[in-house]
Protein backbone atom coordinates (compact mmCIF):
# COMPACT_ATOMS: atom_id res chain seq x y z
CA MET A 1 202.17 -254.23 1.28
CA SER A 2 202.40 -257.83 -0.13
CA GLY A 3 205.59 -259.94 0.97
CA VAL A 4 207.76 -259.54 3.61
CA ALA A 5 209.93 -256.82 3.70
CA ARG A 6 213.56 -256.33 3.98
CA VAL A 7 215.36 -254.31 6.65
CA ILE A 8 218.57 -253.03 7.52
CA GLN A 9 219.35 -252.37 11.26
CA TRP A 10 221.30 -248.91 11.48
CA ALA A 11 223.59 -249.25 14.52
CA THR A 12 223.81 -251.99 16.93
CA GLY A 13 224.07 -250.66 20.34
CA GLY A 14 221.46 -251.46 22.86
CA LEU A 15 218.45 -250.41 20.96
CA GLY A 16 219.87 -251.69 17.73
CA GLN A 17 220.62 -255.31 19.17
CA ALA A 18 217.00 -255.41 20.69
CA ALA A 19 215.96 -254.81 17.42
CA ILE A 20 217.44 -256.72 15.36
CA GLY A 21 215.83 -259.85 17.49
CA ALA A 22 212.46 -258.54 17.29
CA ILE A 23 213.09 -257.97 13.37
CA LEU A 24 214.38 -262.05 13.49
CA ASN A 25 211.23 -262.67 15.37
CA HIS A 26 208.82 -260.56 13.19
CA PRO A 27 206.86 -262.66 10.73
CA ASP A 28 206.50 -259.80 8.14
CA LEU A 29 210.32 -258.60 8.50
CA GLU A 30 213.57 -260.34 7.17
CA LEU A 31 217.02 -259.32 8.07
CA VAL A 32 219.18 -258.47 5.20
CA GLY A 33 222.08 -256.35 6.63
CA ALA A 34 223.62 -254.25 9.52
CA TRP A 35 225.57 -250.94 9.58
CA VAL A 36 227.81 -250.47 12.61
CA HIS A 37 230.23 -248.17 14.17
CA SER A 38 233.09 -250.25 15.51
CA ALA A 39 235.73 -251.95 13.50
CA ALA A 40 235.09 -254.56 16.16
CA LYS A 41 231.53 -255.51 15.18
CA ASP A 42 232.99 -255.61 11.40
CA GLY A 43 232.06 -258.52 9.46
CA ARG A 44 230.33 -260.58 12.73
CA ASP A 45 227.25 -261.99 12.29
CA LEU A 46 224.11 -260.24 13.40
CA GLY A 47 222.58 -263.89 15.00
CA GLU A 48 226.26 -263.92 16.78
CA LEU A 49 226.05 -260.32 17.84
CA ILE A 50 222.78 -260.73 19.26
CA GLY A 51 224.05 -264.05 21.43
CA ARG A 52 222.15 -266.11 18.77
CA GLU A 53 223.15 -268.89 16.66
CA PRO A 54 224.64 -267.44 13.27
CA ILE A 55 221.55 -266.51 10.24
CA GLY A 56 224.28 -265.53 7.67
CA VAL A 57 223.47 -262.34 7.59
CA ARG A 58 226.66 -259.91 8.35
CA ALA A 59 228.01 -256.58 10.11
CA SER A 60 229.44 -253.66 7.75
CA SER A 61 230.84 -250.57 8.94
CA ASP A 62 230.88 -249.54 5.26
CA VAL A 63 228.13 -247.23 4.24
CA GLU A 64 227.76 -247.46 0.49
CA GLN A 65 228.27 -251.38 0.96
CA VAL A 66 224.80 -250.93 3.20
CA LEU A 67 223.52 -248.42 1.17
CA ALA A 68 223.85 -251.00 -1.55
CA LEU A 69 221.74 -253.37 0.07
CA GLU A 70 218.41 -254.75 -1.65
CA ALA A 71 216.38 -253.82 1.10
CA ASP A 72 212.88 -252.16 2.21
CA CYS A 73 213.24 -250.50 4.98
CA VAL A 74 216.26 -249.16 7.57
CA LEU A 75 215.51 -248.66 11.51
CA TYR A 76 218.18 -246.06 11.80
CA SER A 77 219.55 -246.10 15.78
CA PRO A 78 222.87 -244.36 16.39
CA LEU A 79 223.41 -242.76 19.45
CA LEU A 80 223.30 -239.23 17.42
CA ALA A 81 221.63 -238.62 13.67
CA ASP A 82 223.66 -237.72 11.23
CA THR A 83 221.41 -235.77 8.74
CA GLU A 84 223.63 -236.25 5.70
CA ILE A 85 223.69 -239.92 6.39
CA LEU A 86 219.77 -240.33 6.83
CA ARG A 87 219.34 -238.40 3.62
CA ALA A 88 221.39 -240.79 1.66
CA ILE A 89 219.20 -243.83 3.20
CA LEU A 90 216.09 -242.04 1.95
CA ALA A 91 217.77 -241.17 -1.23
CA SER A 92 218.97 -244.99 -1.89
CA GLY A 93 214.70 -245.50 -1.75
CA LYS A 94 214.76 -246.97 1.21
CA ASN A 95 212.25 -246.44 4.10
CA VAL A 96 213.41 -245.32 7.52
CA VAL A 97 212.16 -245.38 10.97
CA THR A 98 213.76 -243.96 13.36
CA PRO A 99 213.42 -243.30 17.22
CA LEU A 100 216.01 -240.17 17.21
CA GLY A 101 213.28 -237.29 15.85
CA TRP A 102 210.79 -236.44 13.11
CA PHE A 103 207.90 -237.21 14.97
CA TYR A 104 206.02 -234.54 13.88
CA PRO A 105 208.35 -231.54 12.06
CA ARG A 106 207.47 -228.34 12.00
CA ALA A 107 206.13 -227.22 8.12
CA ALA A 108 210.10 -226.36 6.81
CA GLU A 109 211.61 -229.02 8.13
CA ARG A 110 208.78 -231.52 6.76
CA GLU A 111 208.28 -229.66 3.87
CA ARG A 112 212.61 -230.00 3.64
CA TYR A 113 211.85 -234.07 3.94
CA ASP A 114 208.71 -234.61 2.06
CA GLU A 115 210.97 -233.52 -0.69
CA VAL A 116 213.73 -236.25 -0.78
CA CYS A 117 211.20 -238.77 0.47
CA HIS A 118 208.82 -238.17 -2.73
CA ARG A 119 211.72 -237.92 -5.04
CA ALA A 120 212.93 -241.75 -3.88
CA GLY A 121 209.25 -243.14 -3.27
CA VAL A 122 209.68 -243.51 0.39
CA THR A 123 208.53 -242.48 3.81
CA LEU A 124 210.34 -241.39 7.03
CA HIS A 125 208.82 -241.92 10.12
CA GLY A 126 210.15 -240.95 13.89
CA THR A 127 208.90 -243.57 16.28
CA GLY A 128 209.68 -244.48 19.97
CA ILE A 129 208.78 -244.27 23.42
CA HIS A 130 209.56 -241.05 25.23
CA PRO A 131 209.40 -238.92 23.37
CA GLY A 132 207.53 -240.96 20.98
CA GLY A 133 204.36 -243.17 21.72
CA ILE A 134 203.76 -242.48 25.36
CA THR A 135 203.82 -238.67 24.26
CA GLU A 136 202.07 -238.70 21.64
CA ARG A 137 200.47 -241.59 20.15
CA LEU A 138 198.90 -242.68 23.33
CA PRO A 139 197.51 -239.34 24.81
CA LEU A 140 195.36 -239.04 21.81
CA VAL A 141 194.14 -242.06 21.72
CA ILE A 142 193.13 -241.80 25.48
CA SER A 143 191.87 -238.39 25.13
CA ALA A 144 188.88 -239.84 23.19
CA LEU A 145 187.46 -241.12 26.17
CA SER A 146 186.97 -237.17 26.98
CA GLY A 147 185.69 -233.98 26.32
CA SER A 148 186.43 -230.44 26.92
CA VAL A 149 190.36 -231.05 27.39
CA THR A 150 191.49 -228.41 28.84
CA ALA A 151 195.16 -230.05 30.31
CA VAL A 152 197.32 -233.08 28.95
CA ARG A 153 200.39 -234.34 30.73
CA ALA A 154 202.88 -237.34 29.81
CA GLU A 155 205.54 -238.17 32.16
CA GLU A 156 208.09 -240.28 32.73
CA PHE A 157 209.66 -241.40 35.90
CA SER A 158 212.90 -243.40 35.86
CA ASP A 159 215.96 -244.09 38.21
CA ILE A 160 218.96 -243.14 36.11
CA ARG A 161 221.16 -245.67 38.25
CA THR A 162 219.89 -248.85 35.61
CA TYR A 163 220.53 -246.71 32.52
CA ALA A 164 223.58 -248.38 30.87
CA ALA A 165 225.27 -246.31 29.44
CA PRO A 166 227.40 -244.53 32.17
CA GLU A 167 228.99 -242.22 29.68
CA VAL A 168 225.84 -240.65 28.79
CA VAL A 169 224.77 -240.04 32.32
CA ARG A 170 227.97 -238.52 32.81
CA ASP A 171 229.46 -236.71 29.99
CA TRP A 172 225.91 -235.98 28.41
CA MET A 173 223.42 -236.09 31.24
CA LEU A 174 226.15 -234.22 33.43
CA PHE A 175 225.26 -236.44 36.80
CA GLY A 176 227.81 -235.77 39.10
CA ALA A 177 228.50 -232.48 37.66
CA THR A 178 228.05 -229.24 39.74
CA PRO A 179 224.49 -227.49 39.47
CA GLU A 180 226.15 -224.77 37.19
CA GLN A 181 227.98 -227.25 34.70
CA ALA A 182 224.27 -229.03 34.44
CA ALA A 183 222.22 -225.83 33.83
CA GLY A 184 224.45 -225.65 30.24
CA SER A 185 223.42 -229.49 29.67
CA PRO A 186 223.07 -229.83 25.98
CA MET A 187 220.27 -232.27 26.91
CA VAL A 188 217.85 -229.38 27.01
CA ASP A 189 218.65 -228.75 23.15
CA LEU A 190 219.18 -232.49 22.23
CA LEU A 191 215.77 -233.65 24.10
CA ALA A 192 213.63 -230.54 22.60
CA GLY A 193 213.76 -231.80 19.10
CA GLY A 194 211.36 -234.66 20.12
CA TYR A 195 209.16 -233.64 23.01
CA SER A 196 208.68 -230.03 21.34
CA GLN A 197 207.14 -232.53 18.44
CA SER A 198 205.32 -234.05 20.89
CA VAL A 199 203.56 -230.82 22.26
CA TRP A 200 203.00 -229.50 19.40
CA MET A 201 201.18 -232.77 17.61
CA ILE A 202 198.68 -233.23 20.74
CA ALA A 203 197.92 -229.47 20.15
CA ASP A 204 197.55 -229.28 16.57
CA GLU A 205 195.39 -232.67 16.80
CA LEU A 206 193.29 -231.59 19.66
CA GLY A 207 193.02 -228.07 18.46
CA PHE A 208 194.95 -226.43 21.30
CA ASP A 209 195.55 -222.46 20.13
CA LEU A 210 199.15 -222.28 22.09
CA ASP A 211 201.10 -219.27 22.77
CA PRO A 212 203.83 -218.81 19.80
CA GLU A 213 206.87 -220.60 22.01
CA LEU A 214 207.22 -223.40 24.30
CA THR A 215 208.50 -223.28 28.08
CA VAL A 216 211.43 -224.90 28.37
CA THR A 217 212.23 -225.83 32.65
CA HIS A 218 215.15 -227.73 33.99
CA ASP A 219 215.12 -228.14 37.40
CA ILE A 220 218.05 -229.82 39.61
CA ALA A 221 218.11 -231.82 43.19
CA VAL A 222 222.05 -232.21 44.47
CA ALA A 223 223.20 -235.33 47.08
CA SER A 224 223.03 -234.50 50.08
CA ALA A 225 225.15 -236.96 50.95
CA PRO A 226 227.20 -239.44 49.00
CA ILE A 227 225.40 -241.53 46.31
CA ASP A 228 226.94 -244.90 44.95
CA SER A 229 226.07 -244.62 41.29
CA PRO A 230 227.10 -246.22 38.26
CA ILE A 231 229.15 -243.49 37.21
CA GLY A 232 230.97 -243.48 40.51
CA VAL A 233 230.49 -241.77 44.18
CA ILE A 234 228.12 -238.48 43.96
CA ALA A 235 229.70 -236.10 46.04
CA PRO A 236 227.36 -233.99 48.47
CA GLY A 237 226.45 -230.67 46.18
CA ARG A 238 226.92 -232.37 42.83
CA VAL A 239 224.11 -233.30 40.44
CA ALA A 240 221.86 -236.19 41.47
CA ALA A 241 218.47 -235.77 40.10
CA GLN A 242 217.02 -233.60 37.21
CA ARG A 243 213.69 -232.54 35.72
CA TYR A 244 212.87 -231.48 32.37
CA ARG A 245 209.60 -229.75 31.36
CA TRP A 246 208.47 -228.88 27.65
CA GLN A 247 204.83 -227.13 28.50
CA GLY A 248 202.54 -225.58 25.70
CA THR A 249 201.02 -222.48 27.16
CA VAL A 250 197.82 -220.87 26.47
CA ASP A 251 197.92 -217.64 27.68
CA GLY A 252 200.56 -218.06 29.31
CA VAL A 253 198.81 -221.41 31.15
CA PRO A 254 200.37 -224.47 30.58
CA VAL A 255 197.71 -226.90 28.77
CA ILE A 256 200.44 -229.60 27.60
CA THR A 257 203.40 -231.31 29.25
CA ALA A 258 205.57 -233.48 28.40
CA ALA A 259 208.34 -234.25 31.15
CA VAL A 260 211.07 -236.30 32.35
CA ASN A 261 212.47 -236.59 36.17
CA TRP A 262 215.39 -238.73 35.99
CA PHE A 263 217.10 -239.49 39.54
CA MET A 264 219.92 -241.29 40.88
CA GLY A 265 217.69 -243.13 43.39
CA GLU A 266 215.44 -241.28 45.69
CA ARG A 267 217.52 -240.85 49.17
CA ASP A 268 220.06 -238.25 49.90
CA LEU A 269 218.51 -235.80 47.74
CA ASP A 270 217.84 -231.91 48.19
CA PRO A 271 215.42 -231.09 47.33
CA ALA A 272 214.00 -234.64 48.85
CA TRP A 273 212.55 -235.91 45.26
CA THR A 274 210.65 -239.19 45.58
CA PHE A 275 208.80 -240.86 42.16
CA GLY A 276 205.93 -241.13 44.63
CA PRO A 277 204.00 -244.86 45.55
CA ALA A 278 203.86 -245.61 42.09
CA GLY A 279 207.67 -245.74 41.85
CA GLN A 280 208.90 -245.52 38.33
CA ARG A 281 206.99 -245.80 35.39
CA TYR A 282 205.49 -243.58 32.29
CA GLU A 283 201.80 -241.53 33.18
CA ILE A 284 199.14 -239.84 31.13
CA GLU A 285 197.01 -237.44 32.55
CA ILE A 286 193.77 -236.50 30.35
CA THR A 287 192.00 -233.43 32.53
CA GLY A 288 188.72 -232.90 30.75
CA ASP A 289 185.07 -234.30 30.94
CA PRO A 290 185.77 -237.21 31.64
CA GLY A 291 189.47 -236.85 32.99
CA ALA A 292 191.94 -240.36 33.00
CA THR A 293 194.92 -241.23 34.40
CA VAL A 294 196.92 -243.76 32.98
CA THR A 295 200.09 -245.36 34.68
CA PHE A 296 202.44 -247.43 32.08
CA SER A 297 205.01 -250.01 34.70
CA GLY A 298 206.93 -252.82 33.43
CA MET A 299 209.25 -250.58 30.98
CA HIS A 300 211.91 -249.93 33.59
CA ALA A 301 214.51 -252.15 34.47
CA HIS A 302 214.63 -252.53 38.63
CA SER A 303 218.40 -253.07 38.73
CA ALA A 304 221.77 -252.15 36.99
CA GLU A 305 222.43 -255.61 36.36
CA GLU A 306 219.09 -256.09 34.96
CA ALA A 307 219.47 -253.12 32.18
CA ALA A 308 222.62 -254.00 31.49
CA ASP A 309 221.14 -257.40 30.21
CA ARG A 310 217.53 -256.51 28.82
CA ASN A 311 216.61 -252.95 29.39
CA PRO A 312 212.46 -253.33 29.11
CA GLY A 313 212.44 -249.39 28.16
CA ILE A 314 215.27 -249.71 25.48
CA VAL A 315 213.41 -253.00 24.41
CA ALA A 316 209.79 -251.38 23.91
CA THR A 317 211.58 -248.26 21.61
CA ALA A 318 213.25 -250.80 19.59
CA MET A 319 209.55 -252.83 19.34
CA HIS A 320 207.78 -249.82 18.65
CA CYS A 321 209.79 -248.77 15.65
CA VAL A 322 210.01 -252.62 14.38
CA ASN A 323 206.16 -252.88 14.69
CA ALA A 324 205.95 -249.79 13.06
CA ILE A 325 207.81 -251.04 9.70
CA PRO A 326 205.42 -253.05 7.62
CA TYR A 327 203.12 -249.79 7.96
CA VAL A 328 205.74 -247.31 6.78
CA VAL A 329 206.92 -249.76 4.09
CA ALA A 330 203.09 -249.74 2.81
CA ALA A 331 202.36 -246.28 3.22
CA GLU A 332 202.45 -243.16 1.10
CA PRO A 333 205.42 -241.44 0.14
CA GLY A 334 206.93 -238.40 2.58
CA VAL A 335 207.02 -238.06 6.20
CA ARG A 336 204.53 -239.72 7.64
CA THR A 337 203.20 -239.47 11.44
CA TYR A 338 201.15 -241.10 13.45
CA LEU A 339 198.52 -239.05 12.86
CA ASP A 340 199.15 -240.26 9.21
CA LEU A 341 199.58 -243.85 9.86
CA PRO A 342 196.72 -246.84 11.05
CA PRO A 343 197.45 -247.53 14.47
CA VAL A 344 200.06 -250.12 14.91
CA ALA A 345 200.08 -253.47 16.06
CA ALA A 346 202.56 -256.46 17.63
CA ARG A 347 202.39 -259.71 16.17
CA ALA A 348 202.07 -262.96 18.10
CA ALA A 349 204.89 -264.71 19.75
CA THR A 350 205.95 -267.51 17.10
CA SER A 351 204.72 -270.15 18.57
CA LEU A 352 201.84 -268.95 18.90
CA HIS A 353 201.36 -267.61 15.51
CA ARG A 354 199.60 -269.15 12.95
CA ALA A 355 200.69 -269.45 9.46
CA ARG A 356 199.49 -266.90 6.72
CA ARG A 357 199.83 -265.10 3.48
CA ALA A 358 201.44 -261.67 3.81
CA ARG A 359 198.58 -258.99 4.26
CA THR A 360 198.12 -255.36 3.89
CA PRO A 361 197.68 -253.79 7.17
CA ALA A 362 194.40 -252.38 8.32
CA GLY A 363 193.88 -248.98 6.72
CA ALA A 364 197.20 -249.07 4.96
CA GLY A 365 197.65 -248.15 1.47
CA ASP A 366 199.61 -250.73 -1.20
CA SER A 367 201.65 -247.98 -2.99
CA LYS A 368 205.40 -248.78 -1.94
CA GLY A 369 204.76 -252.69 -1.48
CA THR A 370 207.56 -255.20 -1.41
CA THR A 371 207.68 -257.77 -4.56
């Protein structure tokens, strides 16, 4: 890539607003527009939208108007993906980085999106944190320190009381519901697209001969006493903690695990689950010769107030997307995963960043560079 990449932010919820700030701070990127869902945000200056000084770039709720903007890349992060819109963005000649999937699509889906991408000369890249970097990229990097790997585990441990989206917690995750209601939660299907791709990427790259179908488990703990939460008091017998696991097996034995643990705190749960002494974290374990366990902390909010102001996990997800943009713009057309791109890196803080001419990211091509 040569020059500065022009970027559109698609949707401006918590992740989108964090991404706008990150784009504005990135020396290789220029924010040129944003699509917004709500009429209240339509026409607002994007600097003011995130609490900064005006920048002269305004949001729009008009899809066609945003698609007509001259841009190199769209960071696509609505609550749920609309595949028709995604295809329209790609067809308009814009690369896409998204945390909503396409981390490692299976062959048939990849072929469909490859066709769209090649026709428009653009790239589609899925990234994020979990699923994403901590379930795919980082396990592969850490595994390079081992031999004869027999198991890989990537797991999230989060206090869901700090997740500043009560409607999602209540209506999608079904916290506070009966166990019977939660057992039919749409979250298993919604999450499966990402976590199952994580499992298959690791299996394919490390050479595991997995059984054809992944094993999916969803365990529930209920409140044993009233629990205060952002969605109101969770009554005894109602869902207060959940665990999801996606596992690749060989002859029925789990060898690759991607998992999430979401608790409304650690008190008054039945069964009596806890995060353990390490607390909230992301954890990667490689079983091999030698093995390794790596813990990532600092990416969780410690209170609902902190999460509402700036949730580190949301910011980290946005940063992984934003930092990938120069590499995606420089990549060959098609669906491109972590296995296809060079290592993505951040940029130094503005106050510490030496003035330099735009450069090509190490190992990246120059076939789609900006002018």
